[in-house]
Every structure is written in structure tokens, then in C-alpha cells.
Amino acid sequence: MKLSVAIVAAVLAFVAAQDSLNECEQRCVTAMQGQASQLGCSGGDAVCLCANQNFTNGLRDCGAEACGSQRTLSFAASYCKDVAESAASSIAQVTCKCYLPLPYKILNVA
């Protein structure tokens, strides 16, 4: 039950954060979410996506190359921070390695 609450909170945070992106940047986010299975995550598993450095790298690269923007990078950092905080507050014991791009930092949330 607690895990379900964390997932719902993460999805809501994602939707709210994505509203600040333009159409091109939103396509990058959607494309990277669509890569969940290739990144070893189930669809909608924000904690897993944020723990995978290739997710944030993909957002960074797509934003820069397709949109000429670094806002997808800021989105990834903010979104993954919100996901980690939501998971930590919703689950008694959770350990997550969340990669935040440029500079890459690993947050251990317990």
C-alpha cells in the first residue's frame, strides 16, 4: 500500500513538473519514459528510472540535441529529487540511488 502511494505521488509530481516544459522537451520526456523496459524498469516506475543514469543522460541529450535546451536536465534533477523524497516519506525503509546530472551525484535515500 505504501509503495502504491509513493508511485501515485511520483506520477503527480511528474505531471506537474512536465507542465513547465515546451512541446519539444515534453516529447523528450515521453520518449525516455517509453524506454523504461530497455532501462530495466517497469512502465511508470519513477524510482527505477531515476536510479538509472541513462534516463537522465537521455533527457539531457534529447533536450540539447532535439530542442536546443538544457531544461530537460533541470527537469530530471527536480523530478528525481521529488521522486526520492516522496518514496522516502511513503516507505519506512527504502534505499534508492538517484543520479542527478551535471555534476553527477548519487543520493542515498534511506
Protein backbone atom coordinates (compact mmCIF):
# COMPACT_ATOMS: atom_id res chain seq x y z
CA MET A 1 0.00 0.00 0.00
CA LYS A 2 2.77 2.43 0.92
CA LEU A 3 4.54 1.67 -2.36
CA SER A 4 1.34 2.47 -4.27
CA VAL A 5 1.12 5.84 -2.53
CA ALA A 6 4.73 6.56 -3.47
CA ILE A 7 4.08 5.69 -7.11
CA VAL A 8 0.95 7.86 -7.28
CA ALA A 9 2.80 10.77 -5.67
CA ALA A 10 5.67 10.37 -8.13
CA VAL A 11 3.30 10.36 -11.11
CA LEU A 12 1.57 13.52 -9.86
CA ALA A 13 4.93 15.24 -9.34
CA PHE A 14 5.94 14.21 -12.84
CA VAL A 15 2.79 15.64 -14.44
CA ALA A 16 3.13 18.92 -12.55
CA ALA A 17 6.82 19.29 -13.42
CA GLN A 18 6.29 18.41 -17.08
CA ASP A 19 3.90 21.35 -17.48
CA SER A 20 6.90 23.71 -17.30
CA LEU A 21 8.47 22.18 -20.43
CA ASN A 22 7.77 23.17 -24.01
CA GLU A 23 6.37 20.68 -26.54
CA CYS A 24 9.77 19.51 -27.78
CA GLU A 25 11.07 18.98 -24.26
CA GLN A 26 7.89 17.09 -23.31
CA ARG A 27 8.46 14.76 -26.27
CA CYS A 28 11.94 14.03 -24.90
CA VAL A 29 10.49 13.14 -21.50
CA THR A 30 7.81 10.94 -23.05
CA ALA A 31 10.40 9.22 -25.25
CA MET A 32 12.66 8.48 -22.29
CA GLN A 33 9.73 7.14 -20.26
CA GLY A 34 8.95 4.91 -23.22
CA GLN A 35 12.44 3.43 -22.85
CA ALA A 36 11.60 2.08 -19.36
CA SER A 37 11.82 -1.59 -20.31
CA GLN A 38 15.16 -1.06 -22.09
CA LEU A 39 16.40 0.63 -18.92
CA GLY A 40 15.34 -2.36 -16.81
CA CYS A 41 12.27 -0.65 -15.33
CA SER A 42 8.58 -1.33 -15.50
CA GLY A 43 6.40 1.38 -17.01
CA GLY A 44 5.68 4.15 -14.55
CA ASP A 45 8.40 3.11 -12.09
CA ALA A 46 9.85 6.55 -11.45
CA VAL A 47 12.18 5.37 -8.69
CA CYS A 48 13.75 2.84 -11.06
CA LEU A 49 14.05 5.36 -13.91
CA CYS A 50 15.69 7.95 -11.68
CA ALA A 51 18.11 5.35 -10.36
CA ASN A 52 19.28 4.70 -13.92
CA GLN A 53 21.84 7.22 -15.10
CA ASN A 54 20.89 6.51 -18.72
CA PHE A 55 17.45 8.04 -18.04
CA THR A 56 18.89 11.41 -17.02
CA ASN A 57 21.57 11.20 -19.73
CA GLY A 58 18.86 10.57 -22.33
CA LEU A 59 16.83 13.54 -21.12
CA ARG A 60 19.91 15.74 -21.22
CA ASP A 61 20.96 14.61 -24.68
CA CYS A 62 17.49 14.78 -26.22
CA GLY A 63 16.87 18.24 -24.80
CA ALA A 64 20.20 19.54 -26.07
CA GLU A 65 20.15 17.90 -29.49
CA ALA A 66 16.47 17.99 -30.44
CA CYS A 67 15.34 21.11 -28.61
CA GLY A 68 18.49 23.19 -28.13
CA SER A 69 17.64 23.34 -24.45
CA GLN A 70 19.04 22.21 -21.12
CA ARG A 71 15.68 22.49 -19.35
CA THR A 72 15.15 18.72 -19.61
CA LEU A 73 18.26 18.39 -17.45
CA SER A 74 16.77 20.68 -14.80
CA PHE A 75 13.51 18.77 -15.08
CA ALA A 76 15.31 15.46 -14.47
CA ALA A 77 17.10 16.77 -11.40
CA SER A 78 13.94 18.26 -9.91
CA TYR A 79 11.75 15.29 -10.81
CA CYS A 80 14.17 12.69 -9.45
CA LYS A 81 14.63 14.70 -6.25
CA ASP A 82 10.84 14.78 -5.79
CA VAL A 83 10.62 11.04 -6.51
CA ALA A 84 13.31 10.24 -3.93
CA GLU A 85 11.69 12.45 -1.29
CA SER A 86 8.24 11.01 -1.98
CA ALA A 87 9.49 7.45 -1.80
CA ALA A 88 11.39 8.12 1.42
CA SER A 89 8.40 9.68 3.11
CA SER A 90 5.98 6.98 1.93
CA ILE A 91 8.01 3.88 2.66
CA ALA A 92 9.52 3.10 6.04
CA GLN A 93 12.73 1.58 4.65
CA VAL A 94 13.76 2.34 1.09
CA THR A 95 17.19 2.67 -0.42
CA CYS A 96 17.46 4.37 -3.79
CA LYS A 97 20.45 5.55 -5.76
CA CYS A 98 19.24 8.57 -7.67
CA TYR A 99 21.60 10.11 -10.19
CA LEU A 100 21.40 13.85 -10.60
CA PRO A 101 23.13 15.07 -13.73
CA LEU A 102 25.86 17.69 -14.05
CA PRO A 103 27.64 17.14 -11.82
CA TYR A 104 26.56 13.58 -11.25
CA LYS A 105 25.78 12.96 -7.66
CA ILE A 106 24.37 9.89 -6.00
CA LEU A 107 21.76 10.47 -3.35
CA ASN A 108 21.22 7.57 -1.00
CA VAL A 109 17.76 7.87 0.40
CA ALA A 110 17.03 5.67 3.37
